[in-house]
C-alpha atoms as a PDB file:
ATOM      1  CA  MET A   1       0.519  -2.122  16.307  1.00  0.00           C
ATOM      2  CA  ASP A   2       4.008  -2.609  14.917  1.00  0.00           C
ATOM      3  CA  ARG A   3       3.996  -2.242  11.144  1.00  0.00           C
ATOM      4  CA  GLY A   4       7.750  -2.364  10.691  1.00  0.00           C
ATOM      5  CA  ILE A   5       8.876   0.620   8.687  1.00  0.00           C
ATOM      6  CA  PHE A   6       5.429   2.246   8.826  1.00  0.00           C
ATOM      7  CA  LYS A   7       5.513   4.342  11.986  1.00  0.00           C
ATOM      8  CA  ASP A   8       2.861   6.754  13.203  1.00  0.00           C
ATOM      9  CA  LEU A   9       3.304  10.278  11.841  1.00  0.00           C
ATOM     10  CA  GLU A  10       2.446  13.644  13.328  1.00  0.00           C
ATOM     11  CA  THR A  11       1.775  17.077  11.822  1.00  0.00           C
ATOM     12  CA  GLY A  12       0.689  20.356  13.374  1.00  0.00           C
ATOM     13  CA  ARG A  13      -2.967  19.340  13.590  1.00  0.00           C
ATOM     14  CA  LEU A  14      -2.971  15.627  12.827  1.00  0.00           C
ATOM     15  CA  LEU A  15      -1.855  12.222  13.982  1.00  0.00           C
ATOM     16  CA  LEU A  16      -1.508   9.580  11.281  1.00  0.00           C
ATOM     17  CA  ARG A  17      -1.579   6.261  13.076  1.00  0.00           C
ATOM     18  CA  ASN A  18      -1.612   2.765  11.705  1.00  0.00           C
ATOM     19  CA  LEU A  19      -5.003   1.252  11.068  1.00  0.00           C
ATOM     20  CA  ALA A  20      -6.056  -1.074  13.922  1.00  0.00           C
ATOM     21  CA  GLN A  21      -8.894  -3.492  14.612  1.00  0.00           C
ATOM     22  CA  ASP A  22     -10.614  -0.933  16.858  1.00  0.00           C
ATOM     23  CA  ASP A  23     -10.960   1.350  13.817  1.00  0.00           C
ATOM     24  CA  ALA A  24     -13.432  -1.067  12.207  1.00  0.00           C
ATOM     25  CA  ALA A  25     -16.605   0.872  13.091  1.00  0.00           C
ATOM     26  CA  PHE A  26     -15.053   4.136  11.855  1.00  0.00           C
ATOM     27  CA  PHE A  27     -13.710   2.508   8.674  1.00  0.00           C
ATOM     28  CA  TYR A  28     -17.141   0.992   7.998  1.00  0.00           C
ATOM     29  CA  ARG A  29     -18.920   4.325   8.562  1.00  0.00           C
ATOM     30  CA  GLU A  30     -16.484   6.184   6.345  1.00  0.00           C
ATOM     31  CA  PHE A  31     -16.512   3.798   3.399  1.00  0.00           C
ATOM     32  CA  SER A  32     -20.280   3.334   3.651  1.00  0.00           C
ATOM     33  CA  ASP A  33     -20.721   7.091   3.197  1.00  0.00           C
ATOM     34  CA  PRO A  34     -21.903   7.625  -0.415  1.00  0.00           C
ATOM     35  CA  ALA A  35     -19.864  10.835  -0.739  1.00  0.00           C
ATOM     36  CA  VAL A  36     -16.658   9.021   0.266  1.00  0.00           C
ATOM     37  CA  SER A  37     -17.261   5.950  -1.888  1.00  0.00           C
ATOM     38  CA  GLU A  38     -18.581   7.858  -4.912  1.00  0.00           C
ATOM     39  CA  TYR A  39     -15.262   7.694  -6.768  1.00  0.00           C
ATOM     40  CA  LEU A  40     -13.881   4.416  -5.417  1.00  0.00           C
ATOM     41  CA  PHE A  41     -14.375   2.207  -8.440  1.00  0.00           C
ATOM     42  CA  ASP A  42     -12.121  -0.658  -7.393  1.00  0.00           C
ATOM     43  CA  ALA A  43     -14.457  -2.037  -4.680  1.00  0.00           C
ATOM     44  CA  ASP A  44     -18.034  -1.830  -3.485  1.00  0.00           C
ATOM     45  CA  PRO A  45     -18.614  -0.228  -0.076  1.00  0.00           C
ATOM     46  CA  PRO A  46     -18.293  -2.733   2.778  1.00  0.00           C
ATOM     47  CA  GLU A  47     -21.438  -4.614   3.720  1.00  0.00           C
ATOM     48  CA  SER A  48     -20.590  -5.077   7.400  1.00  0.00           C
ATOM     49  CA  VAL A  49     -18.095  -4.322  10.143  1.00  0.00           C
ATOM     50  CA  ASN A  50     -16.957  -7.961   9.830  1.00  0.00           C
ATOM     51  CA  GLU A  51     -15.985  -7.316   6.214  1.00  0.00           C
ATOM     52  CA  VAL A  52     -14.033  -4.253   7.338  1.00  0.00           C
ATOM     53  CA  LEU A  53     -12.217  -6.345   9.951  1.00  0.00           C
ATOM     54  CA  LYS A  54     -10.999  -8.575   7.101  1.00  0.00           C
ATOM     55  CA  TRP A  55      -9.767  -5.503   5.183  1.00  0.00           C
ATOM     56  CA  ILE A  56      -7.896  -4.265   8.253  1.00  0.00           C
ATOM     57  CA  ALA A  57      -6.323  -7.682   8.794  1.00  0.00           C
ATOM     58  CA  TRP A  58      -5.315  -7.739   5.120  1.00  0.00           C
ATOM     59  CA  TYR A  59      -3.535  -4.384   5.492  1.00  0.00           C
ATOM     60  CA  ASN A  60      -1.860  -5.291   8.765  1.00  0.00           C
ATOM     61  CA  ASP A  61      -0.958  -8.941   8.384  1.00  0.00           C
ATOM     62  CA  ASN A  62      -0.274  -9.904   4.834  1.00  0.00           C
ATOM     63  CA  ASN A  63       0.887  -6.958   2.811  1.00  0.00           C
ATOM     64  CA  PRO A  64       4.227  -5.316   3.513  1.00  0.00           C
ATOM     65  CA  ASP A  65       3.837  -3.374   0.247  1.00  0.00           C
ATOM     66  CA  HIS A  66       0.644  -1.650   1.501  1.00  0.00           C
ATOM     67  CA  ASN A  67      -0.026   0.648   4.450  1.00  0.00           C
ATOM     68  CA  ARG A  68      -2.966   2.654   5.746  1.00  0.00           C
ATOM     69  CA  TRP A  69      -2.920   5.373   8.387  1.00  0.00           C
ATOM     70  CA  VAL A  70      -6.015   6.686  10.149  1.00  0.00           C
ATOM     71  CA  ILE A  71      -6.052  10.493  10.106  1.00  0.00           C
ATOM     72  CA  VAL A  72      -6.898  11.752  13.603  1.00  0.00           C
ATOM     73  CA  ASN A  73      -7.440  15.356  14.667  1.00  0.00           C
ATOM     74  CA  LYS A  74      -5.015  15.858  17.578  1.00  0.00           C
ATOM     75  CA  GLU A  75      -7.192  18.495  19.256  1.00  0.00           C
ATOM     76  CA  THR A  76     -10.516  16.631  19.152  1.00  0.00           C
ATOM     77  CA  GLY A  77      -9.383  13.013  18.823  1.00  0.00           C
ATOM     78  CA  LEU A  78     -11.841  12.534  15.951  1.00  0.00           C
ATOM     79  CA  ARG A  79     -11.001  10.096  13.175  1.00  0.00           C
ATOM     80  CA  MET A  80     -11.417  11.957   9.895  1.00  0.00           C
ATOM     81  CA  GLY A  81     -10.187   9.678   7.118  1.00  0.00           C
ATOM     82  CA  THR A  82      -7.324   7.494   5.977  1.00  0.00           C
ATOM     83  CA  CYS A  83      -4.334   7.673   3.698  1.00  0.00           C
ATOM     84  CA  GLY A  84      -1.522   5.389   2.774  1.00  0.00           C
ATOM     85  CA  PHE A  85       0.378   3.486   0.159  1.00  0.00           C
ATOM     86  CA  HIS A  86      -0.516   0.761  -2.293  1.00  0.00           C
ATOM     87  CA  ILE A  87       1.752  -1.337  -4.456  1.00  0.00           C
ATOM     88  CA  TRP A  88       5.138  -0.346  -3.019  1.00  0.00           C
ATOM     89  CA  ASP A  89       7.641  -1.365  -5.679  1.00  0.00           C
ATOM     90  CA  ALA A  90      10.942  -1.240  -3.749  1.00  0.00           C
ATOM     91  CA  ARG A  91      12.935  -2.448  -6.764  1.00  0.00           C
ATOM     92  CA  ASN A  92      11.928   0.625  -8.777  1.00  0.00           C
ATOM     93  CA  ASN A  93      11.519   2.954  -5.758  1.00  0.00           C
ATOM     94  CA  ARG A  94       7.915   3.875  -6.528  1.00  0.00           C
ATOM     95  CA  VAL A  95       4.615   3.696  -4.682  1.00  0.00           C
ATOM     96  CA  GLU A  96       0.966   4.561  -5.243  1.00  0.00           C
ATOM     97  CA  ILE A  97      -0.694   6.878  -2.728  1.00  0.00           C
ATOM     98  CA  GLY A  98      -4.362   6.703  -1.782  1.00  0.00           C
ATOM     99  CA  TYR A  99      -6.577   8.751   0.505  1.00  0.00           C
ATOM    100  CA  ASP A 100     -10.127   9.450   1.665  1.00  0.00           C
ATOM    101  CA  LEU A 101     -11.804  11.864   4.060  1.00  0.00           C
ATOM    102  CA  LEU A 102     -15.251  12.195   5.593  1.00  0.00           C
ATOM    103  CA  PRO A 103     -17.208  15.046   3.950  1.00  0.00           C
ATOM    104  CA  GLU A 104     -17.520  17.127   7.124  1.00  0.00           C
ATOM    105  CA  PHE A 105     -13.738  17.651   6.995  1.00  0.00           C
ATOM    106  CA  TRP A 106     -13.468  18.588   3.302  1.00  0.00           C
ATOM    107  CA  GLY A 107     -12.083  21.989   2.347  1.00  0.00           C
ATOM    108  CA  LYS A 108     -10.102  22.580   5.549  1.00  0.00           C
ATOM    109  CA  GLY A 109      -6.646  21.525   4.355  1.00  0.00           C
ATOM    110  CA  TYR A 110      -6.556  18.322   6.406  1.00  0.00           C
ATOM    111  CA  MET A 111      -5.905  15.994   3.495  1.00  0.00           C
ATOM    112  CA  ARG A 112      -3.142  18.130   2.081  1.00  0.00           C
ATOM    113  CA  GLU A 113      -1.500  18.212   5.528  1.00  0.00           C
ATOM    114  CA  ALA A 114      -1.819  14.438   5.955  1.00  0.00           C
ATOM    115  CA  LEU A 115      -0.552  13.668   2.464  1.00  0.00           C
ATOM    116  CA  GLN A 116       2.428  15.988   2.886  1.00  0.00           C
ATOM    117  CA  ALA A 117       3.475  13.948   5.935  1.00  0.00           C
ATOM    118  CA  ALA A 118       3.019  10.697   3.991  1.00  0.00           C
ATOM    119  CA  ILE A 119       4.976  12.086   1.021  1.00  0.00           C
ATOM    120  CA  ASP A 120       7.833  13.230   3.265  1.00  0.00           C
ATOM    121  CA  PHE A 121       7.876   9.760   4.861  1.00  0.00           C
ATOM    122  CA  ALA A 122       7.980   8.050   1.469  1.00  0.00           C
ATOM    123  CA  PHE A 123      10.864  10.125   0.176  1.00  0.00           C
ATOM    124  CA  THR A 124      12.959  10.085   3.352  1.00  0.00           C
ATOM    125  CA  ILE A 125      12.248   6.730   5.042  1.00  0.00           C
ATOM    126  CA  MET A 126      11.045   4.462   2.232  1.00  0.00           C
ATOM    127  CA  ASN A 127      13.671   5.703  -0.258  1.00  0.00           C
ATOM    128  CA  ILE A 128      10.964   6.374  -2.839  1.00  0.00           C
ATOM    129  CA  HIS A 129      11.847   8.184  -6.047  1.00  0.00           C
ATOM    130  CA  ARG A 130       8.339   8.395  -7.556  1.00  0.00           C
ATOM    131  CA  ILE A 131       4.903   8.615  -5.941  1.00  0.00           C
ATOM    132  CA  TYR A 132       1.884   8.258  -8.182  1.00  0.00           C
ATOM    133  CA  ALA A 133      -1.861   8.580  -7.773  1.00  0.00           C
ATOM    134  CA  VAL A 134      -4.763   7.473  -9.920  1.00  0.00           C
ATOM    135  CA  THR A 135      -7.955   9.514  -9.638  1.00  0.00           C
ATOM    136  CA  TYR A 136     -11.281   9.599 -11.443  1.00  0.00           C
ATOM    137  CA  THR A 137     -11.461  12.391 -14.022  1.00  0.00           C
ATOM    138  CA  GLY A 138     -14.542  13.830 -12.305  1.00  0.00           C
ATOM    139  CA  ASN A 139     -13.064  13.852  -8.796  1.00  0.00           C
ATOM    140  CA  HIS A 140     -12.169  17.532  -8.762  1.00  0.00           C
ATOM    141  CA  ARG A 141     -11.317  17.641  -5.033  1.00  0.00           C
ATOM    142  CA  SER A 142      -8.764  14.863  -5.431  1.00  0.00           C
ATOM    143  CA  ILE A 143      -7.256  16.521  -8.494  1.00  0.00           C
ATOM    144  CA  LYS A 144      -7.022  19.828  -6.626  1.00  0.00           C
ATOM    145  CA  VAL A 145      -5.190  18.342  -3.623  1.00  0.00           C
ATOM    146  CA  LEU A 146      -2.723  16.488  -5.868  1.00  0.00           C
ATOM    147  CA  GLU A 147      -1.946  19.616  -7.864  1.00  0.00           C
ATOM    148  CA  LYS A 148      -1.520  21.711  -4.687  1.00  0.00           C
ATOM    149  CA  LEU A 149       1.025  19.119  -3.510  1.00  0.00           C
ATOM    150  CA  GLY A 150       3.004  19.519  -6.742  1.00  0.00           C
ATOM    151  CA  PHE A 151       1.900  16.348  -8.535  1.00  0.00           C
ATOM    152  CA  HIS A 152       2.004  16.449 -12.330  1.00  0.00           C
ATOM    153  CA  LYS A 153      -0.713  15.027 -14.532  1.00  0.00           C
ATOM    154  CA  GLU A 154       0.894  12.326 -16.667  1.00  0.00           C
ATOM    155  CA  GLY A 155      -2.078  11.351 -18.706  1.00  0.00           C
ATOM    156  CA  LEU A 156      -5.451   9.738 -19.111  1.00  0.00           C
ATOM    157  CA  LEU A 157      -5.995   6.071 -18.293  1.00  0.00           C
ATOM    158  CA  ARG A 158      -8.921   5.238 -20.544  1.00  0.00           C
ATOM    159  CA  ASP A 159     -11.506   2.795 -19.196  1.00  0.00           C
ATOM    160  CA  GLN A 160      -9.283   2.181 -16.174  1.00  0.00           C
ATOM    161  CA  PHE A 161     -11.957   0.639 -13.928  1.00  0.00           C
ATOM    162  CA  LEU A 162     -15.027  -1.450 -14.686  1.00  0.00           C
ATOM    163  CA  PHE A 163     -17.579  -0.754 -11.975  1.00  0.00           C
ATOM    164  CA  ARG A 164     -21.165  -1.953 -12.003  1.00  0.00           C
ATOM    165  CA  GLY A 165     -21.103  -2.555 -15.741  1.00  0.00           C
ATOM    166  CA  LYS A 166     -19.554   0.771 -16.757  1.00  0.00           C
ATOM    167  CA  TYR A 167     -15.952   1.763 -17.524  1.00  0.00           C
ATOM    168  CA  TYR A 168     -14.427   4.885 -15.986  1.00  0.00           C
ATOM    169  CA  ASP A 169     -11.506   6.990 -17.178  1.00  0.00           C
ATOM    170  CA  HIS A 170      -8.909   8.113 -14.633  1.00  0.00           C
ATOM    171  CA  PHE A 171      -5.988  10.523 -14.595  1.00  0.00           C
ATOM    172  CA  GLN A 172      -2.566   9.445 -13.407  1.00  0.00           C
ATOM    173  CA  TYR A 173      -0.477  11.954 -11.473  1.00  0.00           C
ATOM    174  CA  SER A 174       3.055  11.664 -10.134  1.00  0.00           C
ATOM    175  CA  LEU A 175       5.568  13.468  -7.955  1.00  0.00           C
ATOM    176  CA  LEU A 176       9.303  12.815  -8.138  1.00  0.00           C
ATOM    177  CA  LYS A 177      11.535  13.215  -5.118  1.00  0.00           C
ATOM    178  CA  GLU A 178      13.565  16.031  -6.702  1.00  0.00           C
ATOM    179  CA  GLU A 179      10.303  17.938  -7.328  1.00  0.00           C
ATOM    180  CA  SER A 180       9.275  17.710  -3.665  1.00  0.00           C
ATOM    181  CA  GLY A 181      11.985  19.902  -2.182  1.00  0.00           C
ATOM    182  CA  ILE A 182      13.172  17.096   0.089  1.00  0.00           C
END
């Protein structure tokens, strides 16, 4: 699928390819996994593959300021997770990065590898100056990957998300282009 500026990316072990309609069953399985959705406070897990098809269409058809890549293991062909950008602010050269990974692939460096490719793309192709991420204060795996990639904790966003009647604090992290070595 042609997503304009958002081309497929490749790393040593991974292919990051644009989310497509035939990823619906995978996307549904991933976001229905309680371990994956545990810290996603901005939406309930999808209720059906049809709902996921609407999400995919939303990413691909209507939102040039958003992108999502499926993370695929080049050796096995397995889909492992997704990553991409939200809220691309081209005027101010900043973008939010988001990511998720099935639990069986945690702790193997896949997300760091995928995000490094996305970060390089943002700084070189998208002309981004600042990438930021918002993560739940208790999501230690997410915090660890951001810090390993050189992101700096900017502060605490108190009561950032209201989810099922409860507010949740989040940290905001950022990485500037000159800090990335690119």
